Amino acid sequence: MDASANDNMVAPEDACPLCGERDADRLVWQDDQRVECQMCGTVYEPGRRDHERRE
């Protein structure tokens, strides 16, 4: 992976807790605290390990 691809990655502790997605373009902020992963539908608060899955 080249350096420019790494620039768009979130820190490992902020990655999706279910699928591990780290690409900032696939992690969409829902409000001031929650992020939705576009790969698996998980809604989570970065840095926390409990999460909910969108059905």
PDB file of N, CA and C in Angstrom:
ATOM      1  N   MET A   1       0.847  -1.172   0.000  1.00  0.00           N
ATOM      2  CA  MET A   1       0.000   0.000   0.000  1.00  0.00           C
ATOM      3  C   MET A   1       0.890   1.232   0.000  1.00  0.00           C
ATOM      4  N   ASP A   2       0.567   2.224  -0.842  1.00  0.00           N
ATOM      5  CA  ASP A   2       1.415   3.408  -0.902  1.00  0.00           C
ATOM      6  C   ASP A   2       1.036   4.410   0.185  1.00  0.00           C
ATOM      7  N   ALA A   3       1.859   5.423   0.370  1.00  0.00           N
ATOM      8  CA  ALA A   3       1.668   6.400   1.447  1.00  0.00           C
ATOM      9  C   ALA A   3       0.357   7.149   1.301  1.00  0.00           C
ATOM     10  N   SER A   4      -0.082   7.478   0.094  1.00  0.00           N
ATOM     11  CA  SER A   4      -1.325   8.220  -0.084  1.00  0.00           C
ATOM     12  C   SER A   4      -2.532   7.400   0.364  1.00  0.00           C
ATOM     13  N   ALA A   5      -2.505   6.101   0.191  1.00  0.00           N
ATOM     14  CA  ALA A   5      -3.593   5.247   0.656  1.00  0.00           C
ATOM     15  C   ALA A   5      -3.653   5.230   2.175  1.00  0.00           C
ATOM     16  N   ASN A   6      -2.506   5.253   2.832  1.00  0.00           N
ATOM     17  CA  ASN A   6      -2.470   5.268   4.289  1.00  0.00           C
ATOM     18  C   ASN A   6      -3.001   6.570   4.866  1.00  0.00           C
ATOM     19  N   ASP A   7      -2.914   7.669   4.111  1.00  0.00           N
ATOM     20  CA  ASP A   7      -3.387   8.965   4.578  1.00  0.00           C
ATOM     21  C   ASP A   7      -4.886   8.971   4.832  1.00  0.00           C
ATOM     22  N   ASN A   8      -5.626   8.093   4.194  1.00  0.00           N
ATOM     23  CA  ASN A   8      -7.081   8.067   4.308  1.00  0.00           C
ATOM     24  C   ASN A   8      -7.569   7.042   5.332  1.00  0.00           C
ATOM     25  N   MET A   9      -6.663   6.445   6.075  1.00  0.00           N
ATOM     26  CA  MET A   9      -7.031   5.428   7.052  1.00  0.00           C
ATOM     27  C   MET A   9      -7.169   6.043   8.442  1.00  0.00           C
ATOM     28  N   VAL A  10      -8.211   5.615   9.171  1.00  0.00           N
ATOM     29  CA  VAL A  10      -8.358   6.053  10.556  1.00  0.00           C
ATOM     30  C   VAL A  10      -7.440   5.203  11.433  1.00  0.00           C
ATOM     31  N   ALA A  11      -7.218   5.659  12.639  1.00  0.00           N
ATOM     32  CA  ALA A  11      -6.385   4.915  13.587  1.00  0.00           C
ATOM     33  C   ALA A  11      -7.024   3.556  13.869  1.00  0.00           C
ATOM     34  N   PRO A  12      -6.223   2.540  14.150  1.00  0.00           N
ATOM     35  CA  PRO A  12      -6.770   1.200  14.413  1.00  0.00           C
ATOM     36  C   PRO A  12      -7.838   1.184  15.511  1.00  0.00           C
ATOM     37  N   GLU A  13      -7.684   2.005  16.542  1.00  0.00           N
ATOM     38  CA  GLU A  13      -8.674   2.019  17.622  1.00  0.00           C
ATOM     39  C   GLU A  13     -10.000   2.651  17.199  1.00  0.00           C
ATOM     40  N   ASP A  14     -10.030   3.347  16.051  1.00  0.00           N
ATOM     41  CA  ASP A  14     -11.255   3.958  15.542  1.00  0.00           C
ATOM     42  C   ASP A  14     -11.881   3.164  14.404  1.00  0.00           C
ATOM     43  N   ALA A  15     -11.276   2.043  14.042  1.00  0.00           N
ATOM     44  CA  ALA A  15     -11.800   1.190  12.963  1.00  0.00           C
ATOM     45  C   ALA A  15     -13.132   0.565  13.367  1.00  0.00           C
ATOM     46  N   CYS A  16     -13.877   0.103  12.391  1.00  0.00           N
ATOM     47  CA  CYS A  16     -15.135  -0.582  12.664  1.00  0.00           C
ATOM     48  C   CYS A  16     -14.865  -1.800  13.553  1.00  0.00           C
ATOM     49  N   PRO A  17     -15.589  -1.915  14.670  1.00  0.00           N
ATOM     50  CA  PRO A  17     -15.331  -3.028  15.582  1.00  0.00           C
ATOM     51  C   PRO A  17     -15.808  -4.383  15.053  1.00  0.00           C
ATOM     52  N   LEU A  18     -16.670  -4.381  14.047  1.00  0.00           N
ATOM     53  CA  LEU A  18     -17.163  -5.651  13.529  1.00  0.00           C
ATOM     54  C   LEU A  18     -16.315  -6.172  12.366  1.00  0.00           C
ATOM     55  N   CYS A  19     -16.093  -5.328  11.357  1.00  0.00           N
ATOM     56  CA  CYS A  19     -15.370  -5.813  10.171  1.00  0.00           C
ATOM     57  C   CYS A  19     -13.943  -5.283  10.070  1.00  0.00           C
ATOM     58  N   GLY A  20     -13.591  -4.292  10.912  1.00  0.00           N
ATOM     59  CA  GLY A  20     -12.230  -3.771  10.904  1.00  0.00           C
ATOM     60  C   GLY A  20     -11.956  -2.702   9.851  1.00  0.00           C
ATOM     61  N   GLU A  21     -12.993  -2.253   9.146  1.00  0.00           N
ATOM     62  CA  GLU A  21     -12.799  -1.223   8.107  1.00  0.00           C
ATOM     63  C   GLU A  21     -12.138   0.013   8.705  1.00  0.00           C
ATOM     64  N   ARG A  22     -11.106   0.539   7.990  1.00  0.00           N
ATOM     65  CA  ARG A  22     -10.375   1.718   8.447  1.00  0.00           C
ATOM     66  C   ARG A  22     -10.391   2.850   7.431  1.00  0.00           C
ATOM     67  N   ASP A  23     -10.916   2.618   6.229  1.00  0.00           N
ATOM     68  CA  ASP A  23     -10.945   3.640   5.192  1.00  0.00           C
ATOM     69  C   ASP A  23     -11.947   4.729   5.568  1.00  0.00           C
ATOM     70  N   ALA A  24     -11.465   5.959   5.736  1.00  0.00           N
ATOM     71  CA  ALA A  24     -12.311   7.073   6.174  1.00  0.00           C
ATOM     72  C   ALA A  24     -13.459   7.343   5.200  1.00  0.00           C
ATOM     73  N   ASP A  25     -13.307   7.009   3.933  1.00  0.00           N
ATOM     74  CA  ASP A  25     -14.379   7.216   2.960  1.00  0.00           C
ATOM     75  C   ASP A  25     -15.538   6.246   3.164  1.00  0.00           C
ATOM     76  N   ARG A  26     -15.320   5.176   3.889  1.00  0.00           N
ATOM     77  CA  ARG A  26     -16.360   4.168   4.127  1.00  0.00           C
ATOM     78  C   ARG A  26     -16.910   4.228   5.548  1.00  0.00           C
ATOM     79  N   LEU A  27     -16.430   5.191   6.330  1.00  0.00           N
ATOM     80  CA  LEU A  27     -16.898   5.389   7.702  1.00  0.00           C
ATOM     81  C   LEU A  27     -17.571   6.753   7.761  1.00  0.00           C
ATOM     82  N   VAL A  28     -18.901   6.770   7.885  1.00  0.00           N
ATOM     83  CA  VAL A  28     -19.686   7.992   7.758  1.00  0.00           C
ATOM     84  C   VAL A  28     -20.196   8.432   9.122  1.00  0.00           C
ATOM     85  N   TRP A  29     -19.854   9.678   9.510  1.00  0.00           N
ATOM     86  CA  TRP A  29     -20.338  10.223  10.783  1.00  0.00           C
ATOM     87  C   TRP A  29     -21.844  10.424  10.709  1.00  0.00           C
ATOM     88  N   GLN A  30     -22.585   9.891  11.693  1.00  0.00           N
ATOM     89  CA  GLN A  30     -24.034  10.037  11.788  1.00  0.00           C
ATOM     90  C   GLN A  30     -24.416  11.266  12.603  1.00  0.00           C
ATOM     91  N   ASP A  31     -23.624  11.575  13.599  1.00  0.00           N
ATOM     92  CA  ASP A  31     -23.800  12.741  14.460  1.00  0.00           C
ATOM     93  C   ASP A  31     -22.448  13.023  15.104  1.00  0.00           C
ATOM     94  N   ASP A  32     -22.428  13.748  16.219  1.00  0.00           N
ATOM     95  CA  ASP A  32     -21.151  14.120  16.835  1.00  0.00           C
ATOM     96  C   ASP A  32     -20.404  12.955  17.469  1.00  0.00           C
ATOM     97  N   GLN A  33     -21.064  11.815  17.676  1.00  0.00           N
ATOM     98  CA  GLN A  33     -20.428  10.707  18.384  1.00  0.00           C
ATOM     99  C   GLN A  33     -20.433   9.382  17.641  1.00  0.00           C
ATOM    100  N   ARG A  34     -21.361   9.175  16.722  1.00  0.00           N
ATOM    101  CA  ARG A  34     -21.518   7.859  16.106  1.00  0.00           C
ATOM    102  C   ARG A  34     -21.102   7.844  14.636  1.00  0.00           C
ATOM    103  N   VAL A  35     -20.519   6.720  14.256  1.00  0.00           N
ATOM    104  CA  VAL A  35     -20.061   6.487  12.885  1.00  0.00           C
ATOM    105  C   VAL A  35     -20.776   5.249  12.353  1.00  0.00           C
ATOM    106  N   GLU A  36     -21.142   5.275  11.070  1.00  0.00           N
ATOM    107  CA  GLU A  36     -21.704   4.086  10.431  1.00  0.00           C
ATOM    108  C   GLU A  36     -20.713   3.565   9.407  1.00  0.00           C
ATOM    109  N   CYS A  37     -20.409   2.280   9.509  1.00  0.00           N
ATOM    110  CA  CYS A  37     -19.542   1.616   8.546  1.00  0.00           C
ATOM    111  C   CYS A  37     -20.361   1.252   7.317  1.00  0.00           C
ATOM    112  N   GLN A  38     -19.954   1.731   6.155  1.00  0.00           N
ATOM    113  CA  GLN A  38     -20.668   1.457   4.913  1.00  0.00           C
ATOM    114  C   GLN A  38     -20.417   0.043   4.394  1.00  0.00           C
ATOM    115  N   MET A  39     -19.432  -0.637   4.946  1.00  0.00           N
ATOM    116  CA  MET A  39     -19.130  -2.003   4.508  1.00  0.00           C
ATOM    117  C   MET A  39     -20.051  -3.028   5.169  1.00  0.00           C
ATOM    118  N   CYS A  40     -20.347  -2.860   6.469  1.00  0.00           N
ATOM    119  CA  CYS A  40     -21.135  -3.882   7.164  1.00  0.00           C
ATOM    120  C   CYS A  40     -22.368  -3.330   7.873  1.00  0.00           C
ATOM    121  N   GLY A  41     -22.524  -1.999   7.916  1.00  0.00           N
ATOM    122  CA  GLY A  41     -23.717  -1.410   8.522  1.00  0.00           C
ATOM    123  C   GLY A  41     -23.636  -1.180  10.022  1.00  0.00           C
ATOM    124  N   THR A  42     -22.504  -1.458  10.633  1.00  0.00           N
ATOM    125  CA  THR A  42     -22.354  -1.260  12.071  1.00  0.00           C
ATOM    126  C   THR A  42     -22.321   0.231  12.397  1.00  0.00           C
ATOM    127  N   VAL A  43     -23.087   0.612  13.438  1.00  0.00           N
ATOM    128  CA  VAL A  43     -23.050   1.966  13.961  1.00  0.00           C
ATOM    129  C   VAL A  43     -22.314   1.892  15.292  1.00  0.00           C
ATOM    130  N   TYR A  44     -21.297   2.732  15.464  1.00  0.00           N
ATOM    131  CA  TYR A  44     -20.475   2.647  16.680  1.00  0.00           C
ATOM    132  C   TYR A  44     -19.889   3.998  17.031  1.00  0.00           C
ATOM    133  N   GLU A  45     -19.417   4.086  18.266  1.00  0.00           N
ATOM    134  CA  GLU A  45     -18.680   5.257  18.721  1.00  0.00           C
ATOM    135  C   GLU A  45     -17.199   4.899  18.665  1.00  0.00           C
ATOM    136  N   PRO A  46     -16.416   5.619  17.873  1.00  0.00           N
ATOM    137  CA  PRO A  46     -14.996   5.296  17.768  1.00  0.00           C
ATOM    138  C   PRO A  46     -14.331   5.212  19.145  1.00  0.00           C
ATOM    139  N   GLY A  47     -13.520   4.188  19.313  1.00  0.00           N
ATOM    140  CA  GLY A  47     -12.818   3.976  20.573  1.00  0.00           C
ATOM    141  C   GLY A  47     -13.572   3.083  21.543  1.00  0.00           C
ATOM    142  N   ARG A  48     -14.863   2.870  21.319  1.00  0.00           N
ATOM    143  CA  ARG A  48     -15.654   1.979  22.180  1.00  0.00           C
ATOM    144  C   ARG A  48     -15.795   0.625  21.511  1.00  0.00           C
ATOM    145  N   ARG A  49     -15.986  -0.412  22.274  1.00  0.00           N
ATOM    146  CA  ARG A  49     -16.072  -1.762  21.704  1.00  0.00           C
ATOM    147  C   ARG A  49     -17.494  -2.296  21.595  1.00  0.00           C
ATOM    148  N   ASP A  50     -18.492  -1.672  22.248  1.00  0.00           N
ATOM    149  CA  ASP A  50     -19.868  -2.128  22.055  1.00  0.00           C
ATOM    150  C   ASP A  50     -20.426  -1.436  20.811  1.00  0.00           C
ATOM    151  N   HIS A  51     -21.290  -2.106  20.088  1.00  0.00           N
ATOM    152  CA  HIS A  51     -21.803  -1.551  18.827  1.00  0.00           C
ATOM    153  C   HIS A  51     -23.159  -2.148  18.528  1.00  0.00           C
ATOM    154  N   GLU A  52     -23.853  -1.532  17.554  1.00  0.00           N
ATOM    155  CA  GLU A  52     -25.138  -2.049  17.089  1.00  0.00           C
ATOM    156  C   GLU A  52     -25.034  -2.270  15.592  1.00  0.00           C
ATOM    157  N   ARG A  53     -25.744  -3.251  15.099  1.00  0.00           N
ATOM    158  CA  ARG A  53     -25.704  -3.534  13.672  1.00  0.00           C
ATOM    159  C   ARG A  53     -27.024  -3.108  13.041  1.00  0.00           C
ATOM    160  N   ARG A  54     -26.942  -2.383  11.944  1.00  0.00           N
ATOM    161  CA  ARG A  54     -28.124  -1.956  11.215  1.00  0.00           C
ATOM    162  C   ARG A  54     -28.703  -3.161  10.474  1.00  0.00           C
ATOM    163  N   GLU A  55     -29.996  -3.336  10.550  1.00  0.00           N
ATOM    164  CA  GLU A  55     -30.649  -4.446   9.827  1.00  0.00           C
ATOM    165  C   GLU A  55     -31.270  -3.954   8.551  1.00  0.00           C
TER     166      GLU A  55
END
